[in-house]
Protein backbone atom coordinates (compact mmCIF):
# COMPACT_ATOMS: atom_id res chain seq x y z
CA UNK A 1 100.79 52.09 112.60
CA UNK A 2 99.48 54.04 115.52
CA UNK A 3 99.06 50.81 117.51
CA UNK A 4 102.71 49.84 117.00
CA UNK A 5 103.89 53.29 118.19
CA UNK A 6 101.79 53.02 121.37
CA UNK A 7 103.26 49.62 122.16
CA UNK A 8 106.76 50.92 121.62
CA UNK A 9 106.19 53.86 124.03
CA UNK A 10 104.74 51.53 126.67
CA UNK A 11 107.74 49.21 126.32
CA UNK A 12 110.16 52.12 126.92
CA UNK A 13 108.20 53.26 129.97
CA UNK A 14 108.24 49.75 131.46
CA UNK A 15 111.97 49.50 130.79
CA UNK A 16 112.54 52.61 132.94
CA UNK A 17 110.02 51.66 135.66
CA UNK A 18 111.19 48.06 136.12
CA UNK A 19 114.33 48.93 138.19
CA UNK A 20 112.24 51.14 140.51
CA UNK A 21 109.65 48.39 140.96
CA UNK A 22 112.39 45.87 141.74
CA UNK A 23 113.99 48.23 144.31
CA UNK A 24 110.59 48.78 145.98
CA UNK A 25 110.01 45.02 146.16
CA UNK A 26 113.44 44.42 147.73
CA UNK A 27 112.85 47.20 150.27
CA UNK A 28 109.50 45.63 151.23
CA UNK A 29 111.15 42.21 151.72
CA UNK A 30 113.89 43.71 153.92
CA UNK A 31 111.31 45.51 156.07
CA UNK A 32 109.24 42.34 156.54
CA UNK A 33 112.31 40.31 157.50
CA UNK A 34 113.62 42.97 159.87
CA UNK A 35 110.32 43.41 161.71
CA UNK A 36 109.63 39.69 162.07
CA UNK A 37 113.19 38.71 163.10
CA UNK A 38 113.27 37.23 166.62
CA UNK A 39 109.53 36.48 166.88
CA UNK A 40 108.29 32.95 167.27
CA UNK A 41 104.55 32.54 166.95
CA UNK A 42 103.73 32.65 170.69
CA UNK A 43 103.66 36.42 171.03
CA UNK A 44 105.68 39.48 170.21
CA UNK A 45 109.05 39.45 171.89
CA UNK A 46 108.52 36.31 173.95
CA UNK A 47 111.47 34.42 172.49
CA UNK A 48 113.82 37.36 172.56
CA UNK A 49 113.03 38.21 176.19
CA UNK A 50 113.46 34.59 177.28
CA UNK A 51 116.85 34.19 175.62
CA UNK A 52 118.27 37.59 176.45
CA UNK A 53 121.89 37.30 177.59
CA UNK A 54 122.91 39.36 180.59
CA UNK A 55 126.64 40.08 180.70
CA UNK A 56 127.74 40.22 184.31
CA UNK A 57 131.24 39.74 185.66
CA UNK A 58 131.94 36.43 187.41
CA UNK A 59 132.39 38.05 190.83
CA UNK A 60 131.07 40.93 192.92
CA UNK A 61 133.20 42.52 195.64
CA UNK A 62 130.94 43.54 198.52
CA UNK A 63 131.07 47.23 199.39
CA UNK A 64 129.97 48.70 202.76
CA UNK A 65 126.17 48.82 202.89
CA UNK A 66 125.63 46.31 200.04
CA UNK A 67 122.64 43.98 200.34
CA UNK A 68 121.55 41.06 198.19
CA UNK A 69 118.65 43.18 196.91
CA UNK A 70 120.97 46.01 195.78
CA UNK A 71 123.47 43.60 194.22
CA UNK A 72 120.65 41.78 192.41
CA UNK A 73 119.30 45.08 191.08
CA UNK A 74 122.73 46.27 189.88
CA UNK A 75 123.64 42.96 188.21
CA UNK A 76 120.26 41.93 186.80
CA UNK A 77 120.26 38.67 188.79
CA UNK A 78 117.60 37.58 191.25
CA UNK A 79 118.15 37.21 194.98
CA UNK A 80 117.46 33.49 194.58
CA UNK A 81 120.28 33.24 192.02
CA UNK A 82 122.68 35.06 194.34
CA UNK A 83 121.78 32.69 197.17
CA UNK A 84 122.18 29.65 194.90
CA UNK A 85 125.56 30.80 193.56
CA UNK A 86 126.80 31.58 197.11
CA UNK A 87 125.45 28.81 199.37
CA UNK A 88 128.00 29.48 202.13
CA UNK A 89 127.10 33.17 202.43
CA UNK A 90 123.92 34.41 204.00
CA UNK A 91 122.29 37.69 202.96
CA UNK A 92 122.68 38.98 206.53
CA UNK A 93 126.37 38.15 206.80
CA UNK A 94 127.90 40.18 203.96
CA UNK A 95 131.34 41.58 204.79
CA UNK A 96 132.94 44.44 202.82
CA UNK A 97 135.69 43.05 200.60
CA UNK A 98 134.04 39.64 200.38
CA UNK A 99 133.70 38.15 196.89
CA UNK A 100 130.33 36.82 195.73
CA UNK A 101 129.89 34.54 192.72
CA UNK A 102 127.63 36.01 190.05
CA UNK A 103 127.80 32.92 187.84
CA UNK A 104 126.73 29.40 188.66
CA UNK A 105 130.18 28.11 187.66
CA UNK A 106 132.57 31.07 187.86
CA UNK A 107 136.09 30.70 186.53
CA UNK A 108 138.76 30.03 189.13
CA UNK A 109 140.48 33.12 190.49
CA UNK A 110 143.70 33.97 188.69
CA UNK A 111 146.82 32.29 190.01
CA UNK A 112 149.13 34.56 191.97
CA UNK A 113 152.32 35.41 190.14
CA UNK A 114 155.22 33.11 190.97
CA UNK A 115 157.66 34.17 193.64
CA UNK A 116 160.89 35.67 192.48
CA UNK A 117 163.71 33.16 192.32
CA UNK A 118 165.89 34.95 194.85
CA UNK A 119 165.58 37.19 197.91
CA UNK A 120 168.28 39.79 198.49
CA UNK A 121 169.03 39.91 202.21
CA UNK A 122 168.59 43.24 203.98
CA UNK A 123 169.88 44.16 207.44
CA UNK A 124 167.91 42.26 210.09
CA UNK A 125 166.66 39.50 207.72
CA UNK A 126 166.78 35.88 208.78
CA UNK A 127 165.61 32.72 207.06
CA UNK A 128 162.58 32.65 209.37
CA UNK A 129 161.66 36.26 208.49
CA UNK A 130 162.14 35.58 204.77
CA UNK A 131 159.95 32.48 205.09
CA UNK A 132 157.21 34.58 206.76
CA UNK A 133 157.38 37.35 204.14
CA UNK A 134 157.38 35.03 201.13
CA UNK A 135 155.18 32.19 202.41
CA UNK A 136 157.90 29.63 201.63
CA UNK A 137 158.30 26.85 204.18
CA UNK A 138 161.39 27.39 206.39
CA UNK A 139 162.51 23.76 205.88
CA UNK A 140 162.31 24.27 202.11
CA UNK A 141 164.39 27.47 202.38
CA UNK A 142 167.04 25.61 204.38
CA UNK A 143 167.03 22.76 201.85
CA UNK A 144 167.40 25.20 198.92
CA UNK A 145 170.13 27.20 200.73
CA UNK A 146 172.29 24.74 202.71
CA UNK A 147 175.13 27.25 203.18
CA UNK A 148 172.77 29.69 205.01
CA UNK A 149 171.31 27.04 207.32
CA UNK A 150 174.50 27.01 209.39
CA UNK A 151 175.91 30.52 208.82
CA UNK A 152 174.25 33.87 209.58
CA UNK A 153 172.86 35.90 206.69
CA UNK A 154 174.70 39.02 205.58
CA UNK A 155 173.10 42.01 203.81
CA UNK A 156 173.42 41.49 200.05
CA UNK A 157 173.33 37.68 200.24
CA UNK A 158 170.93 36.06 197.76
CA UNK A 159 168.59 33.44 199.20
CA UNK A 160 167.06 30.98 196.72
CA UNK A 161 163.24 30.89 197.12
CA UNK A 162 162.34 28.18 194.63
CA UNK A 163 164.16 25.48 192.64
C-alpha cells in the first residue's frame, strides 16, 4: 500500500512540474535561436556586416567647405563610390548648391509643376516679357493667343500659356 501512495504523490508532483519544465525548454530554444540568428558559419557577424543596408538619400547638396571625405563620412559611402556615382564632378571642383548622386542609379529629379494655364497681364507686360518669365516660347504664345499678337496687351488681359 505504501508503494502505491508514493507513486501517487510522485505523479502529482510531476503534473505540477511539467508546465514549468516545458516553459524552461521553450525559453532555452528562443534564446538559442535569437543568439544564432544572422550568423553563417564563417565567423560571428560576418554575414550581417556584409549585408548591412545603409539608408542614404539619393542626392547630396554641396554646402560651402564640403569635401568628398566629409560627405563620405556623413553618408557612410566611400570616396570611390562618390567618384563612381559622379563621374563628371571632380573632388576639387565642388560648388556650393551642386547636387551629388549618392546612389549608383538615383531616381530622376521630380518634374517641375506645370505652368498655370493663364497669365494675368500687369502694367508693363508684353508677350516677350511673359515668355521670358514663364519659359514659354514666344512663337507658341503668339500661336496660343492670336488676338494679342497684333494688338497691345492691357492690364487684366489673360494670356493663355499652354493648350
